[in-house]
Amino acid sequence: MRMLMMGAALAMMTSAAMADDDDMRGAQKLAIQGRDDYWHCLAREYSRDSNQGLSEQDFSRSVAGACPSERQYYRVALLDYLTTQYPNIDSGAHLATANRAVEAAQKDIVTAFVKHRPPVK
């Protein structure tokens, strides 16, 4: 009887661990999808013909306001993943990390814009 109870407890713990693992994989998948969607939107912004004559500051302002729904989805999906992955860390720290990830994406696209624009004549 004791062996049966231990077996049942082990099965329940394994099932719970698998469910947690599935939740984590699902959250990770959504965070990656959110990142990719945001990057694709920023790439479309980068490629717009109307941006060709912009200064770095103007392009930076344009990027900061671009893709609001993709940006928010990425932030929320990353926040969810971080909360799932690290449940004992303060949610404010996770939010700060998600915000830094969004800022890094914007900074990267501005850097690419500056490096690849034609020289000023």
PDB file of N, CA and C in Angstrom:
ATOM      1  N   MET A   1       0.834  -1.193   0.000  1.00  0.00           N
ATOM      2  CA  MET A   1       0.000   0.000   0.000  1.00  0.00           C
ATOM      3  C   MET A   1       0.873   1.248   0.000  1.00  0.00           C
ATOM      4  N   ARG A   2       1.921   1.218   0.816  1.00  0.00           N
ATOM      5  CA  ARG A   2       2.826   2.363   0.899  1.00  0.00           C
ATOM      6  C   ARG A   2       3.488   2.605  -0.452  1.00  0.00           C
ATOM      7  N   MET A   3       3.892   1.548  -1.142  1.00  0.00           N
ATOM      8  CA  MET A   3       4.511   1.667  -2.466  1.00  0.00           C
ATOM      9  C   MET A   3       3.531   2.265  -3.465  1.00  0.00           C
ATOM     10  N   LEU A   4       2.282   1.879  -3.383  1.00  0.00           N
ATOM     11  CA  LEU A   4       1.257   2.402  -4.278  1.00  0.00           C
ATOM     12  C   LEU A   4       1.067   3.897  -4.054  1.00  0.00           C
ATOM     13  N   MET A   5       1.067   4.338  -2.790  1.00  0.00           N
ATOM     14  CA  MET A   5       0.905   5.753  -2.476  1.00  0.00           C
ATOM     15  C   MET A   5       2.123   6.546  -2.943  1.00  0.00           C
ATOM     16  N   MET A   6       3.324   5.968  -2.756  1.00  0.00           N
ATOM     17  CA  MET A   6       4.535   6.650  -3.216  1.00  0.00           C
ATOM     18  C   MET A   6       4.542   6.751  -4.737  1.00  0.00           C
ATOM     19  N   GLY A   7       4.091   5.717  -5.402  1.00  0.00           N
ATOM     20  CA  GLY A   7       4.011   5.734  -6.861  1.00  0.00           C
ATOM     21  C   GLY A   7       3.026   6.782  -7.350  1.00  0.00           C
ATOM     22  N   ALA A   8       1.896   6.877  -6.679  1.00  0.00           N
ATOM     23  CA  ALA A   8       0.889   7.873  -7.052  1.00  0.00           C
ATOM     24  C   ALA A   8       1.421   9.284  -6.812  1.00  0.00           C
ATOM     25  N   ALA A   9       2.128   9.492  -5.708  1.00  0.00           N
ATOM     26  CA  ALA A   9       2.696  10.806  -5.418  1.00  0.00           C
ATOM     27  C   ALA A   9       3.744  11.171  -6.464  1.00  0.00           C
ATOM     28  N   LEU A  10       4.580  10.211  -6.832  1.00  0.00           N
ATOM     29  CA  LEU A  10       5.597  10.456  -7.856  1.00  0.00           C
ATOM     30  C   LEU A  10       4.939  10.791  -9.194  1.00  0.00           C
ATOM     31  N   ALA A  11       3.887  10.087  -9.539  1.00  0.00           N
ATOM     32  CA  ALA A  11       3.177  10.352 -10.791  1.00  0.00           C
ATOM     33  C   ALA A  11       2.579  11.756 -10.787  1.00  0.00           C
ATOM     34  N   MET A  12       2.031  12.168  -9.650  1.00  0.00           N
ATOM     35  CA  MET A  12       1.450  13.509  -9.560  1.00  0.00           C
ATOM     36  C   MET A  12       2.534  14.575  -9.670  1.00  0.00           C
ATOM     37  N   MET A  13       3.685  14.347  -9.019  1.00  0.00           N
ATOM     38  CA  MET A  13       4.773  15.317  -9.091  1.00  0.00           C
ATOM     39  C   MET A  13       5.317  15.399 -10.515  1.00  0.00           C
ATOM     40  N   THR A  14       5.440  14.273 -11.171  1.00  0.00           N
ATOM     41  CA  THR A  14       5.926  14.248 -12.552  1.00  0.00           C
ATOM     42  C   THR A  14       4.957  14.962 -13.469  1.00  0.00           C
ATOM     43  N   SER A  15       3.671  14.721 -13.269  1.00  0.00           N
ATOM     44  CA  SER A  15       2.651  15.377 -14.080  1.00  0.00           C
ATOM     45  C   SER A  15       2.681  16.895 -13.870  1.00  0.00           C
ATOM     46  N   ALA A  16       2.844  17.326 -12.620  1.00  0.00           N
ATOM     47  CA  ALA A  16       2.913  18.765 -12.337  1.00  0.00           C
ATOM     48  C   ALA A  16       4.157  19.373 -12.956  1.00  0.00           C
ATOM     49  N   ALA A  17       5.289  18.668 -12.867  1.00  0.00           N
ATOM     50  CA  ALA A  17       6.532  19.171 -13.467  1.00  0.00           C
ATOM     51  C   ALA A  17       6.395  19.265 -14.977  1.00  0.00           C
ATOM     52  N   MET A  18       5.742  18.296 -15.592  1.00  0.00           N
ATOM     53  CA  MET A  18       5.541  18.341 -17.043  1.00  0.00           C
ATOM     54  C   MET A  18       4.639  19.501 -17.419  1.00  0.00           C
ATOM     55  N   ALA A  19       3.602  19.756 -16.623  1.00  0.00           N
ATOM     56  CA  ALA A  19       2.703  20.879 -16.899  1.00  0.00           C
ATOM     57  C   ALA A  19       3.461  22.192 -16.769  1.00  0.00           C
ATOM     58  N   ASP A  20       4.315  22.319 -15.731  1.00  0.00           N
ATOM     59  CA  ASP A  20       5.125  23.525 -15.571  1.00  0.00           C
ATOM     60  C   ASP A  20       6.063  23.697 -16.758  1.00  0.00           C
ATOM     61  N   ASP A  21       6.658  22.596 -17.193  1.00  0.00           N
ATOM     62  CA  ASP A  21       7.565  22.635 -18.345  1.00  0.00           C
ATOM     63  C   ASP A  21       6.811  23.053 -19.608  1.00  0.00           C
ATOM     64  N   ASP A  22       5.610  22.539 -19.787  1.00  0.00           N
ATOM     65  CA  ASP A  22       4.788  22.928 -20.940  1.00  0.00           C
ATOM     66  C   ASP A  22       4.426  24.408 -20.878  1.00  0.00           C
ATOM     67  N   ASP A  23       4.080  24.893 -19.683  1.00  0.00           N
ATOM     68  CA  ASP A  23       3.771  26.317 -19.510  1.00  0.00           C
ATOM     69  C   ASP A  23       4.982  27.175 -19.866  1.00  0.00           C
ATOM     70  N   MET A  24       6.157  26.721 -19.406  1.00  0.00           N
ATOM     71  CA  MET A  24       7.368  27.478 -19.655  1.00  0.00           C
ATOM     72  C   MET A  24       7.694  27.490 -21.155  1.00  0.00           C
ATOM     73  N   ARG A  25       7.569  26.340 -21.791  1.00  0.00           N
ATOM     74  CA  ARG A  25       7.836  26.279 -23.240  1.00  0.00           C
ATOM     75  C   ARG A  25       6.843  27.133 -24.013  1.00  0.00           C
ATOM     76  N   GLY A  26       5.595  27.102 -23.599  1.00  0.00           N
ATOM     77  CA  GLY A  26       4.585  27.922 -24.259  1.00  0.00           C
ATOM     78  C   GLY A  26       4.869  29.406 -24.093  1.00  0.00           C
ATOM     79  N   ALA A  27       5.256  29.793 -22.881  1.00  0.00           N
ATOM     80  CA  ALA A  27       5.584  31.199 -22.623  1.00  0.00           C
ATOM     81  C   ALA A  27       6.824  31.612 -23.409  1.00  0.00           C
ATOM     82  N   GLN A  28       7.797  30.724 -23.483  1.00  0.00           N
ATOM     83  CA  GLN A  28       9.015  31.019 -24.246  1.00  0.00           C
ATOM     84  C   GLN A  28       8.682  31.167 -25.733  1.00  0.00           C
ATOM     85  N   LYS A  29       7.854  30.282 -26.241  1.00  0.00           N
ATOM     86  CA  LYS A  29       7.462  30.350 -27.652  1.00  0.00           C
ATOM     87  C   LYS A  29       6.755  31.667 -27.959  1.00  0.00           C
ATOM     88  N   LEU A  30       5.864  32.098 -27.082  1.00  0.00           N
ATOM     89  CA  LEU A  30       5.149  33.357 -27.298  1.00  0.00           C
ATOM     90  C   LEU A  30       6.088  34.555 -27.210  1.00  0.00           C
ATOM     91  N   ALA A  31       7.063  34.488 -26.298  1.00  0.00           N
ATOM     92  CA  ALA A  31       8.034  35.585 -26.179  1.00  0.00           C
ATOM     93  C   ALA A  31       8.883  35.680 -27.448  1.00  0.00           C
ATOM     94  N   ILE A  32       9.295  34.545 -27.972  1.00  0.00           N
ATOM     95  CA  ILE A  32      10.087  34.540 -29.209  1.00  0.00           C
ATOM     96  C   ILE A  32       9.250  35.039 -30.377  1.00  0.00           C
ATOM     97  N   GLN A  33       8.008  34.609 -30.434  1.00  0.00           N
ATOM     98  CA  GLN A  33       7.106  35.079 -31.491  1.00  0.00           C
ATOM     99  C   GLN A  33       6.895  36.591 -31.381  1.00  0.00           C
ATOM    100  N   GLY A  34       6.708  37.075 -30.160  1.00  0.00           N
ATOM    101  CA  GLY A  34       6.535  38.510 -29.947  1.00  0.00           C
ATOM    102  C   GLY A  34       7.765  39.287 -30.371  1.00  0.00           C
ATOM    103  N   ARG A  35       8.941  38.778 -30.020  1.00  0.00           N
ATOM    104  CA  ARG A  35      10.194  39.424 -30.428  1.00  0.00           C
ATOM    105  C   ARG A  35      10.295  39.475 -31.951  1.00  0.00           C
ATOM    106  N   ASP A  36      10.022  38.348 -32.591  1.00  0.00           N
ATOM    107  CA  ASP A  36      10.128  38.291 -34.051  1.00  0.00           C
ATOM    108  C   ASP A  36       9.129  39.223 -34.722  1.00  0.00           C
ATOM    109  N   ASP A  37       7.898  39.260 -34.226  1.00  0.00           N
ATOM    110  CA  ASP A  37       6.891  40.154 -34.802  1.00  0.00           C
ATOM    111  C   ASP A  37       7.304  41.616 -34.647  1.00  0.00           C
ATOM    112  N   TYR A  38       7.849  41.951 -33.487  1.00  0.00           N
ATOM    113  CA  TYR A  38       8.286  43.326 -33.252  1.00  0.00           C
ATOM    114  C   TYR A  38       9.449  43.675 -34.173  1.00  0.00           C
ATOM    115  N   TRP A  39      10.411  42.781 -34.287  1.00  0.00           N
ATOM    116  CA  TRP A  39      11.550  43.029 -35.168  1.00  0.00           C
ATOM    117  C   TRP A  39      11.119  43.177 -36.622  1.00  0.00           C
ATOM    118  N   HIS A  40      10.187  42.339 -37.073  1.00  0.00           N
ATOM    119  CA  HIS A  40       9.710  42.457 -38.455  1.00  0.00           C
ATOM    120  C   HIS A  40       9.017  43.796 -38.683  1.00  0.00           C
ATOM    121  N   CYS A  41       8.259  44.238 -37.696  1.00  0.00           N
ATOM    122  CA  CYS A  41       7.601  45.540 -37.815  1.00  0.00           C
ATOM    123  C   CYS A  41       8.638  46.655 -37.855  1.00  0.00           C
ATOM    124  N   LEU A  42       9.651  46.582 -36.992  1.00  0.00           N
ATOM    125  CA  LEU A  42      10.710  47.592 -37.015  1.00  0.00           C
ATOM    126  C   LEU A  42      11.460  47.564 -38.346  1.00  0.00           C
ATOM    127  N   ALA A  43      11.647  46.383 -38.908  1.00  0.00           N
ATOM    128  CA  ALA A  43      12.317  46.277 -40.212  1.00  0.00           C
ATOM    129  C   ALA A  43      11.489  46.947 -41.300  1.00  0.00           C
ATOM    130  N   ARG A  44      10.171  46.808 -41.227  1.00  0.00           N
ATOM    131  CA  ARG A  44       9.309  47.499 -42.205  1.00  0.00           C
ATOM    132  C   ARG A  44       9.436  49.011 -42.037  1.00  0.00           C
ATOM    133  N   GLU A  45       9.508  49.452 -40.792  1.00  0.00           N
ATOM    134  CA  GLU A  45       9.682  50.884 -40.515  1.00  0.00           C
ATOM    135  C   GLU A  45      11.028  51.363 -41.077  1.00  0.00           C
ATOM    136  N   TYR A  46      12.051  50.583 -40.870  1.00  0.00           N
ATOM    137  CA  TYR A  46      13.403  50.891 -41.360  1.00  0.00           C
ATOM    138  C   TYR A  46      13.410  51.040 -42.880  1.00  0.00           C
ATOM    139  N   SER A  47      12.637  50.200 -43.545  1.00  0.00           N
ATOM    140  CA  SER A  47      12.652  50.142 -45.010  1.00  0.00           C
ATOM    141  C   SER A  47      11.775  51.186 -45.697  1.00  0.00           C
ATOM    142  N   ARG A  48      10.999  51.920 -44.950  1.00  0.00           N
ATOM    143  CA  ARG A  48      10.102  52.904 -45.575  1.00  0.00           C
ATOM    144  C   ARG A  48      10.901  53.983 -46.292  1.00  0.00           C
ATOM    145  N   ASP A  49      10.492  54.279 -47.499  1.00  0.00           N
ATOM    146  CA  ASP A  49      11.174  55.302 -48.303  1.00  0.00           C
ATOM    147  C   ASP A  49      11.148  56.672 -47.627  1.00  0.00           C
ATOM    148  N   SER A  50      10.096  56.949 -46.895  1.00  0.00           N
ATOM    149  CA  SER A  50       9.963  58.265 -46.267  1.00  0.00           C
ATOM    150  C   SER A  50      11.008  58.504 -45.168  1.00  0.00           C
ATOM    151  N   ASN A  51      11.699  57.466 -44.756  1.00  0.00           N
ATOM    152  CA  ASN A  51      12.718  57.624 -43.703  1.00  0.00           C
ATOM    153  C   ASN A  51      14.092  57.993 -44.254  1.00  0.00           C
ATOM    154  N   GLN A  52      14.263  57.939 -45.559  1.00  0.00           N
ATOM    155  CA  GLN A  52      15.591  58.105 -46.151  1.00  0.00           C
ATOM    156  C   GLN A  52      16.258  59.424 -45.785  1.00  0.00           C
ATOM    157  N   GLY A  53      15.533  60.490 -45.688  1.00  0.00           N
ATOM    158  CA  GLY A  53      16.137  61.790 -45.405  1.00  0.00           C
ATOM    159  C   GLY A  53      16.149  62.174 -43.938  1.00  0.00           C
ATOM    160  N   LEU A  54      15.716  61.288 -43.069  1.00  0.00           N
ATOM    161  CA  LEU A  54      15.608  61.629 -41.648  1.00  0.00           C
ATOM    162  C   LEU A  54      16.972  61.647 -40.965  1.00  0.00           C
ATOM    163  N   SER A  55      17.090  62.511 -39.989  1.00  0.00           N
ATOM    164  CA  SER A  55      18.278  62.494 -39.133  1.00  0.00           C
ATOM    165  C   SER A  55      18.168  61.315 -38.170  1.00  0.00           C
ATOM    166  N   GLU A  56      19.255  61.035 -37.484  1.00  0.00           N
ATOM    167  CA  GLU A  56      19.243  59.953 -36.491  1.00  0.00           C
ATOM    168  C   GLU A  56      18.194  60.221 -35.415  1.00  0.00           C
ATOM    169  N   GLN A  57      18.110  61.459 -34.953  1.00  0.00           N
ATOM    170  CA  GLN A  57      17.153  61.809 -33.902  1.00  0.00           C
ATOM    171  C   GLN A  57      15.709  61.651 -34.388  1.00  0.00           C
ATOM    172  N   ASP A  58      15.445  62.113 -35.617  1.00  0.00           N
ATOM    173  CA  ASP A  58      14.086  61.991 -36.152  1.00  0.00           C
ATOM    174  C   ASP A  58      13.711  60.531 -36.370  1.00  0.00           C
ATOM    175  N   PHE A  59      14.650  59.743 -36.890  1.00  0.00           N
ATOM    176  CA  PHE A  59      14.367  58.326 -37.093  1.00  0.00           C
ATOM    177  C   PHE A  59      14.160  57.626 -35.746  1.00  0.00           C
ATOM    178  N   SER A  60      14.947  57.998 -34.760  1.00  0.00           N
ATOM    179  CA  SER A  60      14.817  57.419 -33.423  1.00  0.00           C
ATOM    180  C   SER A  60      13.430  57.716 -32.837  1.00  0.00           C
ATOM    181  N   ARG A  61      12.970  58.942 -33.006  1.00  0.00           N
ATOM    182  CA  ARG A  61      11.616  59.300 -32.540  1.00  0.00           C
ATOM    183  C   ARG A  61      10.554  58.516 -33.301  1.00  0.00           C
ATOM    184  N   SER A  62      10.765  58.353 -34.602  1.00  0.00           N
ATOM    185  CA  SER A  62       9.822  57.600 -35.420  1.00  0.00           C
ATOM    186  C   SER A  62       9.739  56.149 -34.953  1.00  0.00           C
ATOM    187  N   VAL A  63      10.886  55.546 -34.698  1.00  0.00           N
ATOM    188  CA  VAL A  63      10.925  54.145 -34.253  1.00  0.00           C
ATOM    189  C   VAL A  63      10.287  53.999 -32.870  1.00  0.00           C
ATOM    190  N   ALA A  64      10.519  54.961 -31.996  1.00  0.00           N
ATOM    191  CA  ALA A  64       9.954  54.891 -30.645  1.00  0.00           C
ATOM    192  C   ALA A  64       8.426  54.854 -30.671  1.00  0.00           C
ATOM    193  N   GLY A  65       7.829  55.486 -31.683  1.00  0.00           N
ATOM    194  CA  GLY A  65       6.372  55.495 -31.783  1.00  0.00           C
ATOM    195  C   GLY A  65       5.806  54.445 -32.712  1.00  0.00           C
ATOM    196  N   ALA A  66       6.683  53.719 -33.398  1.00  0.00           N
ATOM    197  CA  ALA A  66       6.234  52.729 -34.385  1.00  0.00           C
ATOM    198  C   ALA A  66       5.837  51.418 -33.708  1.00  0.00           C
ATOM    199  N   CYS A  67       5.000  50.697 -34.359  1.00  0.00           N
ATOM    200  CA  CYS A  67       4.643  49.313 -33.973  1.00  0.00           C
ATOM    201  C   CYS A  67       4.113  49.197 -32.543  1.00  0.00           C
ATOM    202  N   PRO A  68       3.166  50.021 -32.138  1.00  0.00           N
ATOM    203  CA  PRO A  68       2.740  49.986 -30.730  1.00  0.00           C
ATOM    204  C   PRO A  68       2.136  48.647 -30.296  1.00  0.00           C
ATOM    205  N   SER A  69       1.344  48.009 -31.134  1.00  0.00           N
ATOM    206  CA  SER A  69       0.734  46.744 -30.704  1.00  0.00           C
ATOM    207  C   SER A  69       1.770  45.630 -30.647  1.00  0.00           C
ATOM    208  N   GLU A  70       2.695  45.587 -31.602  1.00  0.00           N
ATOM    209  CA  GLU A  70       3.751  44.575 -31.594  1.00  0.00           C
ATOM    210  C   GLU A  70       4.676  44.770 -30.398  1.00  0.00           C
ATOM    211  N   ARG A  71       4.984  46.032 -30.104  1.00  0.00           N
ATOM    212  CA  ARG A  71       5.848  46.360 -28.966  1.00  0.00           C
ATOM    213  C   ARG A  71       5.201  45.902 -27.663  1.00  0.00           C
ATOM    214  N   GLN A  72       3.926  46.201 -27.511  1.00  0.00           N
ATOM    215  CA  GLN A  72       3.231  45.822 -26.280  1.00  0.00           C
ATOM    216  C   GLN A  72       3.092  44.306 -26.155  1.00  0.00           C
ATOM    217  N   TYR A  73       2.806  43.638 -27.261  1.00  0.00           N
ATOM    218  CA  TYR A  73       2.696  42.174 -27.229  1.00  0.00           C
ATOM    219  C   TYR A  73       4.033  41.556 -26.815  1.00  0.00           C
ATOM    220  N   TYR A  74       5.122  42.052 -27.392  1.00  0.00           N
ATOM    221  CA  TYR A  74       6.452  41.555 -27.044  1.00  0.00           C
ATOM    222  C   TYR A  74       6.736  41.776 -25.563  1.00  0.00           C
ATOM    223  N   ARG A  75       6.458  42.961 -25.078  1.00  0.00           N
ATOM    224  CA  ARG A  75       6.704  43.282 -23.665  1.00  0.00           C
ATOM    225  C   ARG A  75       5.915  42.338 -22.753  1.00  0.00           C
ATOM    226  N   VAL A  76       4.643  42.155 -23.036  1.00  0.00           N
ATOM    227  CA  VAL A  76       3.790  41.310 -22.193  1.00  0.00           C
ATOM    228  C   VAL A  76       4.208  39.843 -22.286  1.00  0.00           C
ATOM    229  N   ALA A  77       4.510  39.365 -23.496  1.00  0.00           N
ATOM    230  CA  ALA A  77       4.916  37.962 -23.660  1.00  0.00           C
ATOM    231  C   ALA A  77       6.243  37.703 -22.954  1.00  0.00           C
ATOM    232  N   LEU A  78       7.173  38.632 -23.052  1.00  0.00           N
ATOM    233  CA  LEU A  78       8.451  38.476 -22.373  1.00  0.00           C
ATOM    234  C   LEU A  78       8.260  38.533 -20.858  1.00  0.00           C
ATOM    235  N   LEU A  79       7.424  39.419 -20.398  1.00  0.00           N
ATOM    236  CA  LEU A  79       7.117  39.509 -18.968  1.00  0.00           C
ATOM    237  C   LEU A  79       6.518  38.200 -18.464  1.00  0.00           C
ATOM    238  N   ASP A  80       5.607  37.626 -19.229  1.00  0.00           N
ATOM    239  CA  ASP A  80       4.989  36.352 -18.851  1.00  0.00           C
ATOM    240  C   ASP A  80       6.034  35.241 -18.794  1.00  0.00           C
ATOM    241  N   TYR A  81       6.910  35.203 -19.791  1.00  0.00           N
ATOM    242  CA  TYR A  81       7.959  34.191 -19.804  1.00  0.00           C
ATOM    243  C   TYR A  81       8.890  34.345 -18.599  1.00  0.00           C
ATOM    244  N   LEU A  82       9.328  35.556 -18.327  1.00  0.00           N
ATOM    245  CA  LEU A  82      10.233  35.775 -17.204  1.00  0.00           C
ATOM    246  C   LEU A  82       9.580  35.412 -15.875  1.00  0.00           C
ATOM    247  N   THR A  83       8.296  35.720 -15.741  1.00  0.00           N
ATOM    248  CA  THR A  83       7.564  35.378 -14.523  1.00  0.00           C
ATOM    249  C   THR A  83       7.435  33.872 -14.378  1.00  0.00           C
ATOM    250  N   THR A  84       7.235  33.171 -15.483  1.00  0.00           N
ATOM    251  CA  THR A  84       7.140  31.713 -15.459  1.00  0.00           C
ATOM    252  C   THR A  84       8.502  31.093 -15.153  1.00  0.00           C
ATOM    253  N   GLN A  85       9.537  31.622 -15.786  1.00  0.00           N
ATOM    254  CA  GLN A  85      10.888  31.089 -15.628  1.00  0.00           C
ATOM    255  C   GLN A  85      11.465  31.390 -14.242  1.00  0.00           C
ATOM    256  N   TYR A  86      11.204  32.591 -13.743  1.00  0.00           N
ATOM    257  CA  TYR A  86      11.777  33.038 -12.465  1.00  0.00           C
ATOM    258  C   TYR A  86      10.672  33.581 -11.560  1.00  0.00           C
ATOM    259  N   PRO A  87       9.846  32.706 -11.004  1.00  0.00           N
ATOM    260  CA  PRO A  87       8.687  33.167 -10.232  1.00  0.00           C
ATOM    261  C   PRO A  87       9.046  33.864  -8.921  1.00  0.00           C
ATOM    262  N   ASN A  88      10.243  33.656  -8.412  1.00  0.00           N
ATOM    263  CA  ASN A  88      10.620  34.243  -7.117  1.00  0.00           C
ATOM    264  C   ASN A  88      11.246  35.624  -7.234  1.00  0.00           C
ATOM    265  N   ILE A  89      11.431  36.098  -8.454  1.00  0.00           N
ATOM    266  CA  ILE A  89      11.990  37.429  -8.660  1.00  0.00           C
ATOM    267  C   ILE A  89      10.849  38.433  -8.748  1.00  0.00           C
ATOM    268  N   ASP A  90      11.062  39.588  -8.182  1.00  0.00           N
ATOM    269  CA  ASP A  90      10.061  40.652  -8.149  1.00  0.00           C
ATOM    270  C   ASP A  90       9.565  40.983  -9.561  1.00  0.00           C
ATOM    271  N   SER A  91       8.280  41.154  -9.711  1.00  0.00           N
ATOM    272  CA  SER A  91       7.702  41.437 -11.027  1.00  0.00           C
ATOM    273  C   SER A  91       8.199  42.765 -11.598  1.00  0.00           C
ATOM    274  N   GLY A  92       8.552  43.695 -10.731  1.00  0.00           N
ATOM    275  CA  GLY A  92       9.103  44.967 -11.201  1.00  0.00           C
ATOM    276  C   GLY A  92      10.427  44.769 -11.927  1.00  0.00           C
ATOM    277  N   ALA A  93      11.221  43.822 -11.459  1.00  0.00           N
ATOM    278  CA  ALA A  93      12.497  43.513 -12.124  1.00  0.00           C
ATOM    279  C   ALA A  93      12.236  42.902 -13.500  1.00  0.00           C
ATOM    280  N   HIS A  94      11.220  42.045 -13.576  1.00  0.00           N
ATOM    281  CA  HIS A  94      10.869  41.454 -14.871  1.00  0.00           C
ATOM    282  C   HIS A  94      10.385  42.528 -15.841  1.00  0.00           C
ATOM    283  N   LEU A  95       9.585  43.449 -15.356  1.00  0.00           N
ATOM    284  CA  LEU A  95       9.094  44.523 -16.212  1.00  0.00           C
ATOM    285  C   LEU A  95      10.252  45.388 -16.703  1.00  0.00           C
ATOM    286  N   ALA A  96      11.191  45.678 -15.827  1.00  0.00           N
ATOM    287  CA  ALA A  96      12.362  46.463 -16.229  1.00  0.00           C
ATOM    288  C   ALA A  96      13.163  45.724 -17.300  1.00  0.00           C
ATOM    289  N   THR A  97      13.304  44.421 -17.157  1.00  0.00           N
ATOM    290  CA  THR A  97      14.017  43.621 -18.157  1.00  0.00           C
ATOM    291  C   THR A  97      13.283  43.648 -19.497  1.00  0.00           C
ATOM    292  N   ALA A  98      11.972  43.497 -19.458  1.00  0.00           N
ATOM    293  CA  ALA A  98      11.182  43.533 -20.696  1.00  0.00           C
ATOM    294  C   ALA A  98      11.296  44.905 -21.361  1.00  0.00           C
ATOM    295  N   ASN A  99      11.249  45.956 -20.578  1.00  0.00           N
ATOM    296  CA  ASN A  99      11.391  47.309 -21.132  1.00  0.00           C
ATOM    297  C   ASN A  99      12.768  47.511 -21.749  1.00  0.00           C
ATOM    298  N   ARG A 100      13.812  46.979 -21.102  1.00  0.00           N
ATOM    299  CA  ARG A 100      15.158  47.083 -21.666  1.00  0.00           C
ATOM    300  C   ARG A 100      15.274  46.313 -22.976  1.00  0.00           C
ATOM    301  N   ALA A 101      14.586  45.189 -23.091  1.00  0.00           N
ATOM    302  CA  ALA A 101      14.613  44.417 -24.336  1.00  0.00           C
ATOM    303  C   ALA A 101      13.967  45.214 -25.476  1.00  0.00           C
ATOM    304  N   VAL A 102      12.874  45.891 -25.196  1.00  0.00           N
ATOM    305  CA  VAL A 102      12.219  46.734 -26.204  1.00  0.00           C
ATOM    306  C   VAL A 102      13.142  47.886 -26.590  1.00  0.00           C
ATOM    307  N   GLU A 103      13.734  48.524 -25.599  1.00  0.00           N
ATOM    308  CA  GLU A 103      14.660  49.633 -25.873  1.00  0.00           C
ATOM    309  C   GLU A 103      15.865  49.164 -26.692  1.00  0.00           C
ATOM    310  N   ALA A 104      16.360  47.969 -26.406  1.00  0.00           N
ATOM    311  CA  ALA A 104      17.509  47.436 -27.148  1.00  0.00           C
ATOM    312  C   ALA A 104      17.141  47.186 -28.611  1.00  0.00           C
ATOM    313  N   ALA A 105      15.942  46.691 -28.853  1.00  0.00           N
ATOM    314  CA  ALA A 105      15.502  46.473 -30.235  1.00  0.00           C
ATOM    315  C   ALA A 105      15.434  47.802 -30.981  1.00  0.00           C
ATOM    316  N   GLN A 106      14.886  48.815 -30.336  1.00  0.00           N
ATOM    317  CA  GLN A 106      14.801  50.136 -30.962  1.00  0.00           C
ATOM    318  C   GLN A 106      16.196  50.710 -31.214  1.00  0.00           C
ATOM    319  N   LYS A 107      17.075  50.561 -30.247  1.00  0.00           N
ATOM    320  CA  LYS A 107      18.439  51.067 -30.401  1.00  0.00           C
ATOM    321  C   LYS A 107      19.152  50.351 -31.551  1.00  0.00           C
ATOM    322  N   ASP A 108      18.960  49.049 -31.651  1.00  0.00           N
ATOM    323  CA  ASP A 108      19.602  48.275 -32.724  1.00  0.00           C
ATOM    324  C   ASP A 108      19.135  48.716 -34.106  1.00  0.00           C
ATOM    325  N   ILE A 109      17.847  48.990 -34.255  1.00  0.00           N
ATOM    326  CA  ILE A 109      17.337  49.385 -35.572  1.00  0.00           C
ATOM    327  C   ILE A 109      17.823  50.798 -35.911  1.00  0.00           C
ATOM    328  N   VAL A 110      17.937  51.672 -34.922  1.00  0.00           N
ATOM    329  CA  VAL A 110      18.472  53.018 -35.157  1.00  0.00           C
ATOM    330  C   VAL A 110      19.951  52.927 -35.533  1.00  0.00           C
ATOM    331  N   THR A 111      20.699  52.082 -34.853  1.00  0.00           N
ATOM    332  CA  THR A 111      22.115  51.894 -35.174  1.00  0.00           C
ATOM    333  C   THR A 111      22.278  51.397 -36.608  1.00  0.00           C
ATOM    334  N   ALA A 112      21.459  50.444 -37.005  1.00  0.00           N
ATOM    335  CA  ALA A 112      21.524  49.945 -38.384  1.00  0.00           C
ATOM    336  C   ALA A 112      21.185  51.055 -39.373  1.00  0.00           C
ATOM    337  N   PHE A 113      20.199  51.872 -39.039  1.00  0.00           N
ATOM    338  CA  PHE A 113      19.809  52.984 -39.907  1.00  0.00           C
ATOM    339  C   PHE A 113      20.973  53.952 -40.097  1.00  0.00           C
ATOM    340  N   VAL A 114      21.641  54.296 -39.018  1.00  0.00           N
ATOM    341  CA  VAL A 114      22.739  55.256 -39.070  1.00  0.00           C
ATOM    342  C   VAL A 114      23.917  54.679 -39.875  1.00  0.00           C
ATOM    343  N   LYS A 115      24.227  53.414 -39.649  1.00  0.00           N
ATOM    344  CA  LYS A 115      25.358  52.783 -40.332  1.00  0.00           C
ATOM    345  C   LYS A 115      25.130  52.597 -41.822  1.00  0.00           C
ATOM    346  N   HIS A 116      23.892  52.451 -42.230  1.00  0.00           N
ATOM    347  CA  HIS A 116      23.608  52.116 -43.621  1.00  0.00           C
ATOM    348  C   HIS A 116      23.009  53.260 -44.437  1.00  0.00           C
ATOM    349  N   ARG A 117      22.890  54.418 -43.861  1.00  0.00           N
ATOM    350  CA  ARG A 117      22.350  55.505 -44.672  1.00  0.00           C
ATOM    351  C   ARG A 117      23.460  56.089 -45.525  1.00  0.00           C
ATOM    352  N   PRO A 118      23.075  56.649 -46.656  1.00  0.00           N
ATOM    353  CA  PRO A 118      24.095  57.214 -47.564  1.00  0.00           C
ATOM    354  C   PRO A 118      24.803  58.405 -46.922  1.00  0.00           C
ATOM    355  N   PRO A 119      26.037  58.629 -47.265  1.00  0.00           N
ATOM    356  CA  PRO A 119      26.776  59.751 -46.685  1.00  0.00           C
ATOM    357  C   PRO A 119      26.137  61.097 -47.080  1.00  0.00           C
ATOM    358  N   VAL A 120      26.269  62.056 -46.192  1.00  0.00           N
ATOM    359  CA  VAL A 120      25.739  63.398 -46.440  1.00  0.00           C
ATOM    360  C   VAL A 120      26.649  64.072 -47.466  1.00  0.00           C
ATOM    361  N   LYS A 121      26.033  64.702 -48.465  1.00  0.00           N
ATOM    362  CA  LYS A 121      26.803  65.358 -49.537  1.00  0.00           C
ATOM    363  C   LYS A 121      27.018  66.795 -49.239  1.00  0.00           C
TER     364      LYS A 121
END
